[in-house]
Amino acid sequence: GCGRMGRHHAEHLRKDGRGVVTALFDPHVAAAQQLNDEWKLDAEIAPSFEAMAQYDIIDAVILCTPTGLHY
């Protein structure tokens, strides 16, 4: 997801420099687009998690979910 924790991780990846955000997915497409625009990530906005999992540009995934869904 591209909410609070997704933003947190994107920020740390940018600051660290060893990783690049190449794709984003959020069930609310506007949230993914907003994060992409605000941080100028130039990431692909995936239409679904399943579609994003098929992208060749991904080496690792940070999966962010709402606290109530962690189980």
Protein backbone atom coordinates (compact mmCIF):
# COMPACT_ATOMS: atom_id res chain seq x y z
CA GLY A 1 0.00 0.00 0.00
CA CYS A 2 0.98 3.62 -0.48
CA GLY A 3 -0.32 5.04 2.78
CA ARG A 4 1.70 6.10 5.81
CA MET A 5 4.09 3.15 5.93
CA GLY A 6 4.47 2.99 2.15
CA ARG A 7 5.53 6.64 2.21
CA HIS A 8 7.88 5.93 5.11
CA HIS A 9 9.62 3.13 3.21
CA ALA A 10 9.80 5.13 -0.03
CA GLU A 11 11.44 7.99 1.83
CA HIS A 12 14.04 5.72 3.42
CA LEU A 13 14.83 4.01 0.12
CA ARG A 14 15.43 7.39 -1.49
CA LYS A 15 17.65 8.59 1.37
CA ASP A 16 19.64 5.35 1.52
CA GLY A 17 20.31 5.23 -2.22
CA ARG A 18 20.77 1.46 -2.48
CA GLY A 19 17.23 0.85 -3.71
CA VAL A 20 14.88 2.46 -6.20
CA VAL A 21 11.08 2.43 -6.14
CA THR A 22 10.21 1.04 -9.57
CA ALA A 23 6.56 0.04 -9.07
CA LEU A 24 3.69 0.93 -6.77
CA PHE A 25 0.35 -0.68 -6.07
CA ASP A 26 -2.48 0.42 -3.84
CA PRO A 27 -6.14 -0.64 -4.07
CA HIS A 28 -6.79 3.11 -4.18
CA VAL A 29 -4.95 4.03 -7.39
CA ALA A 30 -5.01 7.71 -6.43
CA ALA A 31 -2.83 6.94 -3.38
CA ALA A 32 -0.19 5.26 -5.54
CA GLN A 33 -0.26 8.10 -8.06
CA GLN A 34 -0.01 10.72 -5.32
CA LEU A 35 3.05 9.04 -3.77
CA ASN A 36 4.64 8.69 -7.21
CA ASP A 37 4.01 12.37 -8.00
CA GLU A 38 5.00 13.81 -4.61
CA TRP A 39 8.31 11.94 -4.42
CA LYS A 40 8.93 12.17 -8.19
CA LEU A 41 9.56 8.41 -8.24
CA ASP A 42 8.85 7.74 -11.93
CA ALA A 43 7.50 4.33 -10.83
CA GLU A 44 5.07 2.12 -12.71
CA ILE A 45 1.57 2.21 -11.19
CA ALA A 46 0.41 -1.41 -11.21
CA PRO A 47 -3.26 -2.19 -11.86
CA SER A 48 -3.16 -5.07 -9.33
CA PHE A 49 -0.77 -6.77 -6.93
CA GLU A 50 -0.78 -9.83 -9.16
CA ALA A 51 0.20 -7.74 -12.19
CA MET A 52 2.98 -6.02 -10.24
CA ALA A 53 4.39 -9.38 -9.13
CA GLN A 54 4.99 -10.20 -12.81
CA TYR A 55 7.08 -7.08 -13.55
CA ASP A 56 10.67 -7.85 -14.58
CA ILE A 57 11.87 -4.58 -13.02
CA ILE A 58 11.31 -5.82 -9.44
CA ASP A 59 14.03 -7.47 -7.36
CA ALA A 60 12.40 -7.07 -3.93
CA VAL A 61 9.03 -6.08 -2.49
CA ILE A 62 8.03 -4.11 0.58
CA LEU A 63 4.50 -5.16 1.41
CA CYS A 64 2.67 -2.54 3.50
CA THR A 65 -0.78 -3.35 4.85
CA PRO A 66 -3.08 -1.63 7.33
CA THR A 67 -2.37 -2.68 10.92
CA GLY A 68 -5.70 -4.50 11.18
CA LEU A 69 -4.69 -6.80 8.30
CA HIS A 70 -1.27 -7.85 9.61
CA TYR A 71 -2.49 -11.25 10.75
